[in-house]
Amino acid sequence: MKDWVQEKVSSDQEDWVCEGVEAEILQSVGGGWKKGRVKIRLELEFIPDDPLIENTEEDDLQAPPSPLDDFRKA
């Protein structure tokens, strides 16, 4: 992923994604300014086209009998 980013963005933009850029943030509860880095993080999520099939009680009732059912009852 890092190699792809390096190919697609300029060196200035690459700093934001890979290393982060130097920054200061003003703390909300006193304390003044705090030094650090700001970095952009990219998150990818795969969502399959097929919807998930959830088992319901009706599905369980319609299930074919299993040869192990006799053992389970014993």
Protein backbone atom coordinates (compact mmCIF):
# COMPACT_ATOMS: atom_id res chain seq x y z
CA MET A 1 0.00 0.00 0.00
CA LYS A 2 2.81 2.37 0.87
CA ASP A 3 4.42 1.79 -2.55
CA TRP A 4 1.12 2.56 -4.30
CA VAL A 5 0.75 5.78 -2.31
CA GLN A 6 4.27 6.84 -3.24
CA GLU A 7 3.49 6.33 -6.94
CA LYS A 8 0.22 8.28 -6.86
CA VAL A 9 0.99 11.31 -4.72
CA SER A 10 3.61 14.04 -4.67
CA SER A 11 6.28 14.12 -1.97
CA ASP A 12 4.38 16.86 -0.07
CA GLN A 13 1.23 14.74 -0.03
CA GLU A 14 3.21 11.62 0.82
CA ASP A 15 4.35 13.22 4.08
CA TRP A 16 0.71 13.53 5.21
CA VAL A 17 0.03 9.84 4.55
CA CYS A 18 3.29 8.07 5.40
CA GLU A 19 5.28 10.05 7.96
CA GLY A 20 2.84 12.72 9.07
CA VAL A 21 3.63 16.44 9.26
CA GLU A 22 4.78 18.41 12.26
CA ALA A 23 1.97 20.25 14.02
CA GLU A 24 0.96 21.89 17.26
CA ILE A 25 -2.40 21.59 18.95
CA LEU A 26 -3.88 23.85 21.60
CA GLN A 27 -4.99 21.72 24.53
CA SER A 28 -8.57 22.41 25.60
CA VAL A 29 -7.90 22.22 29.34
CA GLY A 30 -5.01 24.61 29.81
CA GLY A 31 -1.48 23.43 29.29
CA GLY A 32 -0.92 25.52 26.18
CA TRP A 33 0.37 24.11 22.92
CA LYS A 34 1.43 20.48 22.45
CA LYS A 35 3.81 19.47 19.64
CA GLY A 36 3.35 16.34 17.58
CA ARG A 37 2.54 15.07 14.09
CA VAL A 38 -0.65 14.95 12.03
CA LYS A 39 -1.08 11.91 9.81
CA ILE A 40 -3.87 10.90 7.43
CA ARG A 41 -4.92 7.26 7.80
CA LEU A 42 -6.77 5.43 5.07
CA GLU A 43 -9.12 2.60 5.97
CA LEU A 44 -10.42 0.07 3.46
CA GLU A 45 -13.38 -2.22 4.14
CA PHE A 46 -14.63 -5.08 1.97
CA ILE A 47 -18.40 -5.46 1.81
CA PRO A 48 -19.55 -8.61 -0.03
CA ASP A 49 -22.43 -8.39 -2.51
CA ASP A 50 -24.18 -11.45 -1.06
CA PRO A 51 -26.29 -10.61 1.99
CA LEU A 52 -25.65 -12.63 5.12
CA ILE A 53 -28.18 -15.40 5.68
CA GLU A 54 -29.24 -15.52 9.30
CA ASN A 55 -30.65 -18.68 10.86
CA THR A 56 -34.10 -18.30 12.34
CA GLU A 57 -36.14 -20.68 14.43
CA GLU A 58 -38.31 -21.41 11.37
CA ASP A 59 -35.22 -22.50 9.43
CA ASP A 60 -34.26 -24.82 12.27
CA LEU A 61 -37.74 -26.40 12.29
CA GLN A 62 -37.58 -27.10 8.55
CA ALA A 63 -34.15 -28.72 8.69
CA PRO A 64 -34.11 -32.34 7.48
CA PRO A 65 -33.76 -34.98 10.19
CA SER A 66 -30.23 -36.02 11.01
CA PRO A 67 -29.15 -39.63 11.54
CA LEU A 68 -27.57 -38.41 14.79
CA ASP A 69 -30.88 -37.18 16.22
CA ASP A 70 -31.49 -40.55 17.95
CA PHE A 71 -28.13 -40.29 19.73
CA ARG A 72 -28.80 -36.71 20.80
CA LYS A 73 -32.10 -37.68 22.43
CA ALA A 74 -30.51 -40.50 24.42
